[in-house]
Amino acid sequence: MSTMQKFVLSLLTLLTFFFTVLPTPAYAQFQDWGGCTQTVAVPGGGNAQIATLNCLPVVFSNVVNALLMFVGTVAVVFIVYAGIQLVMSGGDPKKVAAARQIITYALLGLVLVLLSFFIIAIISYTTGVDCIRTFSFTDCK
């Protein structure tokens, strides 16, 4: 078995462990709907809550939170991959430089994503418009 096959097998094992043994509880909703739902009668009897267009900020917030978790996971996978490449480089300067470059880019991407939230917070604080920080489009005046 070649080293690349061993690496792919190790990576698949790590991802399987990450997604099966250490899962976070899966919720259909990260945030409370906040009263934006509407009650409708169900044909079989009873009532059901359906989302209206006023729930769009909550859905957008959930998408942003899910993407943030995805970006963090991808950055960790790239850093682990680069660490393995660094250890397996055997002192070859080209392989060491390539592994360091992957680590640098993964950390740079993660910092840029987190910095975007900081920039939004600064703009919100400077302008006094809090709804851009909480994704609450209906509260902007």
Protein backbone atom coordinates (compact mmCIF):
# COMPACT_ATOMS: atom_id res chain seq x y z
CA MET A 1 0.00 0.00 0.00
CA SER A 2 1.50 3.32 -1.07
CA THR A 3 1.84 6.31 1.24
CA MET A 4 -0.85 8.18 -0.69
CA GLN A 5 -3.30 5.31 -0.21
CA LYS A 6 -2.43 5.21 3.49
CA PHE A 7 -2.99 8.96 3.72
CA VAL A 8 -6.38 8.79 1.98
CA LEU A 9 -7.41 5.89 4.20
CA SER A 10 -6.30 7.83 7.30
CA LEU A 11 -8.16 10.92 6.15
CA LEU A 12 -11.35 8.95 5.51
CA THR A 13 -11.04 7.33 8.93
CA LEU A 14 -10.57 10.73 10.55
CA LEU A 15 -13.57 12.20 8.74
CA THR A 16 -15.71 9.17 9.61
CA PHE A 17 -14.71 9.55 13.25
CA PHE A 18 -15.40 13.29 13.12
CA PHE A 19 -18.87 12.96 11.62
CA THR A 20 -20.08 9.85 13.46
CA VAL A 21 -18.48 9.72 16.89
CA LEU A 22 -18.33 13.43 17.64
CA PRO A 23 -21.55 14.77 16.10
CA THR A 24 -23.27 17.79 17.51
CA PRO A 25 -27.02 17.48 17.97
CA ALA A 26 -28.80 18.17 14.72
CA TYR A 27 -31.45 20.79 15.11
CA ALA A 28 -33.62 21.89 12.24
CA GLN A 29 -33.45 25.41 13.60
CA PHE A 30 -30.55 27.21 15.30
CA GLN A 31 -32.70 30.09 16.47
CA ASP A 32 -36.25 30.47 17.63
CA TRP A 33 -38.58 31.58 14.85
CA GLY A 34 -39.44 34.62 16.97
CA GLY A 35 -43.14 34.76 16.20
CA CYS A 36 -42.79 34.99 12.42
CA THR A 37 -44.79 31.82 11.82
CA GLN A 38 -48.47 31.63 11.01
CA THR A 39 -50.94 29.08 12.37
CA VAL A 40 -52.97 27.22 9.75
CA ALA A 41 -55.56 24.46 9.99
CA VAL A 42 -54.41 21.02 8.90
CA PRO A 43 -56.91 19.04 6.76
CA GLY A 44 -56.82 16.05 9.15
CA GLY A 45 -57.66 18.31 12.06
CA GLY A 46 -55.45 20.35 14.32
CA ASN A 47 -53.14 23.26 13.62
CA ALA A 48 -49.66 23.63 12.20
CA GLN A 49 -47.09 26.43 12.22
CA ILE A 50 -45.75 27.51 8.83
CA ALA A 51 -42.99 29.98 8.14
CA THR A 52 -43.78 33.28 6.45
CA LEU A 53 -41.52 35.68 4.59
CA ASN A 54 -40.88 37.41 7.92
CA CYS A 55 -38.81 34.33 8.83
CA LEU A 56 -36.23 35.07 6.10
CA PRO A 57 -33.73 36.70 8.52
CA VAL A 58 -33.82 33.61 10.73
CA VAL A 59 -33.21 31.32 7.76
CA PHE A 60 -30.39 33.57 6.54
CA SER A 61 -28.83 33.52 10.00
CA ASN A 62 -29.00 29.73 10.07
CA VAL A 63 -27.30 29.50 6.67
CA VAL A 64 -24.52 31.85 7.79
CA ASN A 65 -24.00 29.84 11.00
CA ALA A 66 -23.87 26.57 9.05
CA LEU A 67 -21.37 28.04 6.57
CA LEU A 68 -19.24 29.31 9.44
CA MET A 69 -19.11 25.81 10.93
CA PHE A 70 -18.27 24.39 7.49
CA VAL A 71 -15.42 26.87 6.97
CA GLY A 72 -13.99 26.03 10.38
CA THR A 73 -14.16 22.31 9.64
CA VAL A 74 -12.50 22.73 6.25
CA ALA A 75 -9.72 24.86 7.80
CA VAL A 76 -9.06 22.19 10.44
CA VAL A 77 -8.95 19.45 7.79
CA PHE A 78 -6.45 21.46 5.71
CA ILE A 79 -4.29 22.17 8.74
CA VAL A 80 -4.27 18.47 9.71
CA TYR A 81 -3.49 17.51 6.11
CA ALA A 82 -0.61 20.00 5.97
CA GLY A 83 0.68 18.77 9.33
CA ILE A 84 0.75 15.22 8.03
CA GLN A 85 2.52 16.40 4.88
CA LEU A 86 5.04 18.29 7.02
CA VAL A 87 5.79 15.23 9.14
CA MET A 88 6.03 12.97 6.09
CA SER A 89 8.22 15.39 4.12
CA GLY A 90 11.41 13.78 5.31
CA GLY A 91 13.21 17.11 5.36
CA ASP A 92 12.64 17.80 1.65
CA PRO A 93 12.60 21.63 1.40
CA LYS A 94 9.97 21.66 -1.37
CA LYS A 95 7.54 19.47 0.59
CA VAL A 96 8.12 21.47 3.78
CA ALA A 97 7.47 24.72 1.90
CA ALA A 98 4.29 23.29 0.34
CA ALA A 99 2.99 22.13 3.73
CA ARG A 100 3.75 25.51 5.31
CA GLN A 101 1.98 27.24 2.44
CA ILE A 102 -1.15 25.11 2.99
CA ILE A 103 -1.12 25.94 6.71
CA THR A 104 -0.64 29.64 5.95
CA TYR A 105 -3.53 29.74 3.48
CA ALA A 106 -5.85 27.75 5.76
CA LEU A 107 -5.18 30.10 8.68
CA LEU A 108 -5.45 33.16 6.42
CA GLY A 109 -8.85 31.99 5.14
CA LEU A 110 -10.11 31.33 8.66
CA VAL A 111 -8.90 34.74 9.86
CA LEU A 112 -10.56 36.49 6.89
CA VAL A 113 -13.90 34.82 7.62
CA LEU A 114 -13.72 35.79 11.29
CA LEU A 115 -12.51 39.28 10.36
CA SER A 116 -15.59 39.78 8.19
CA PHE A 117 -17.78 39.45 11.29
CA PHE A 118 -15.56 41.94 13.11
CA ILE A 119 -15.87 44.42 10.22
CA ILE A 120 -19.67 44.08 10.26
CA ALA A 121 -19.64 44.72 14.02
CA ILE A 122 -17.52 47.85 13.55
CA ILE A 123 -19.82 49.16 10.81
CA SER A 124 -22.84 48.40 13.00
CA TYR A 125 -21.31 50.20 15.99
CA THR A 126 -20.19 53.20 13.91
CA THR A 127 -23.46 53.70 12.09
CA GLY A 128 -25.73 52.64 14.95
CA VAL A 129 -27.57 50.13 12.76
CA ASP A 130 -27.77 46.98 14.90
CA CYS A 131 -29.95 44.99 12.53
CA ILE A 132 -27.04 44.18 10.20
CA ARG A 133 -25.27 42.41 13.06
CA THR A 134 -28.26 40.26 14.02
CA PHE A 135 -29.59 39.66 10.48
CA SER A 136 -32.85 41.31 11.51
CA PHE A 137 -33.90 43.07 8.34
CA THR A 138 -37.35 43.98 9.63
CA ASP A 139 -36.04 45.96 12.62
CA CYS A 140 -33.99 48.42 10.55
CA LYS A 141 -35.41 51.92 10.63
